[in-house]
Amino acid sequence: MAKTFMSWYHWHFYKVPVDLVIDHSVQVDVARSENAVNANMELEFQRNKERFAFLKWGSNAFQNMLVVPPGSGIVHQVNLEYLGRVVFNTDGMLYPDSVVGTDSHTTMIDGLGVAGWGVGGIEAEAACLARPHDRVPLKEMKSDWHSCLDNKVGFKGFHIVGYGCTTCIGNSGELDESVASAISENDIVAAAVLSGNRNFEGRVHALTRANYLASPPLVVAYALAGTTHLNVDLILSLAWCCRCYLETGAMTTWMACLATVVRASLANESAQLLSHCQPVDPHTPQVNPSVAFAVLDDNSACMHWLWVDIDFEKEPIGVGKDGKNVYFKDIWPSTAEVAEAVQSSVLPNMFKSTYEAITEGNPMWNHLSVPASKLYSWDPNSTYIHEPPYFKNITVDPPGPSGVKDAYCLLNFGDSITTDHISPAGSIHKDSPAAKFLLERGVERKEFNSYGSRRGNDEVMARGTFANIRLVNKLLNGEVGAKTIHVPTGEKLYVFDAATRYKAAGQDTIVLAGAEYGSGSSRDWAAKGPMLLGVKAVIAKSFERIHRSNLVGMGIIPLCFKHGEDADSLGLTGHERYTIDLPSNISEIRPGQDVTVRTDTGKSFTCTVRFDTEVELAYYNNGGILPYVIRQLTKQ
């Protein structure tokens, strides 16, 4: 037996116990208010009522399913130690626990002696019927920042805001309009410093290109470095902003570190600082302690521009009350201070009181009215939940393998295209095909919500595929954006619109890519979306493990160039038409075999088909993992 820790869009379909945590939908609309958490949660429920009702219906309609309602924390925060059973007892039969999880923290369960595997959402769905970052040493931060600028003029600062997945998924709110305009109009390289877990371009915000991951106290240090001196008002604002997190366990270490900063530089002010840090009701829904602060000053709304262009080993962070320079080494807490704060503040009762009622939800969740039927009644007018098209026209027998003939190149990429480039989860751009779709259905711009919150609607998500505004497509000759060239006509179109034209003409498409294609989050829509656009194959130098598996799961052929080769070295521009010769009988295809790819310009080259197992061949023979599962169920 296995069980699955899952995000909101993965749900129990068959016989395996599933723990489903509803997350990734909270956004920052309200800040600098004692009621911010509740106000943001109310807005979350207003925006996502349809989706939450669908999930609540599923929790009643299916067995062996534990739901952690929204407002209780994300998968990262809802400790695996709590969800883990370690040993199952079913009618007196004992057997070990194991985990198939779709969260990037899944393998931490190994610390309990529970075997955990991180997989993609598509693979997890079948079971229940994880971009590498560059490490920059602190002493090299300043030089790295300048190298990122590449001689461009840029803000020497950053903007911190958020909690939960508001940072890692890009829901931390909009920049001030004047700042956003300055960045866009002057091609400015803006930077973010964050203590989240995702820092690739455009993830925190579409307009931040240089994003640095740092420990929470280090983020505070950069915040303090943004002032000309250590200003008590700013520090009090930091503490005031975080007061509602004072009693959240690990967050106390945060506050201890902040207090240490104050003691070292403003000893006479520390008591005043801590007096502003009032605890809240321990039953208040807690948030992710790894994404801690909104940096505020007296008048700005979640914005304070600060210095990144600093060498902490040589330059002072600011000036103390005594007029002396204060350096990073003066304020950094010692290991002993941190250990003392943890020992005295991270207490078992905090976790017990939180988890005692974690599955009982909150009034907004509990008051959701859902039908008691076993079959879900699809609303054709819903822009949140739409009947998925994966089983339309499904046949009793598998369709078998099919090669790719005279396919056009939809997109031509370089290295490190992430799943967020392929299927962004953040805000919906006002000029995008998804925005047009929503506007045509009476959804106002302020109600667009995010792609992550509309994952239940394939019509929105197909339009959101390759919609990241930081996308770099070689077909556009250096232009950045969510468009491509429709090769037959030479027109520049949104990717969705180009794909729609190809499909209407009965023309297959492929994608060319470099190394590490599909790195980042294990986002199943990064495979579902291309399939819906009509992509038949992706030819890349290498794939991220889970994304390759997800492509196979959606019936897309993953192929790798031979070592030392790529599209550029082979002289491929993306304006060619591609034919991939595959046997028509699945028994004639072997995992990892070589195939020939030919173009209409006379070029041919050999690739390795990345069907890595016999099971994956079975998926491909069925047109993907979902039709495979359905056909298996009909045989039982």
Foldseek 3Di string as FASTA:
>chain_A
DAEEEEELVAAFQQDHAYEYEYDDFFFQPDAPDPCRLVVSVVVSCVLQVVSLQVSVLRVLLDPNYFYQHPLQADPVPPDPVVVAPQWDADPNDIDGYEYEYQDACQCVCVVVVHHYDHFFSLVVNLVRPFADDDDDPLQCLQVVVVVVCVPADAFQFAFAADWGCCQQQQRHDDDDPVVVCCCVVRVHAYEYEWLDDDFDACRRHLSHHHYHHDFLLVNVLQVLLFDQARDPQQLLVFLLRQLACCQVQVVVLVVLLSLLLCCLFPVVCSVVSVVSNHYDDLQRRDTHSSRTTQRDGDDDDSGDTGGSNDRQVPDASHAGPVRDGHGPVRRGDDPVSSVVSNVPRRDPVSVVVSPVCSSVDDPSSVPSDHDSDSDDDADCLDQQAHDDPLCPPADLDAPFFDWAFQAFALFEEEPDAALCQFFRFAQDDCPFPLNVVCVVSPQDNVSRRTNVRRVNHLVSRLSRGSQRQQDDTVQVVGHGGQWHALLVVRDIDRSLVSLVVCVVVVHAYEHFYEPAHHHGRSHLSSQVNVVVSRHAEYEYQYYDDNVCVSNLQQLHWYKHAPPPDGCVVQVHRSSWTKIWDDDRHLVPDDAQDKTKIATPVGDIGIITTHPHDPVSSLQNSRNHNVSVSVSVVVVD
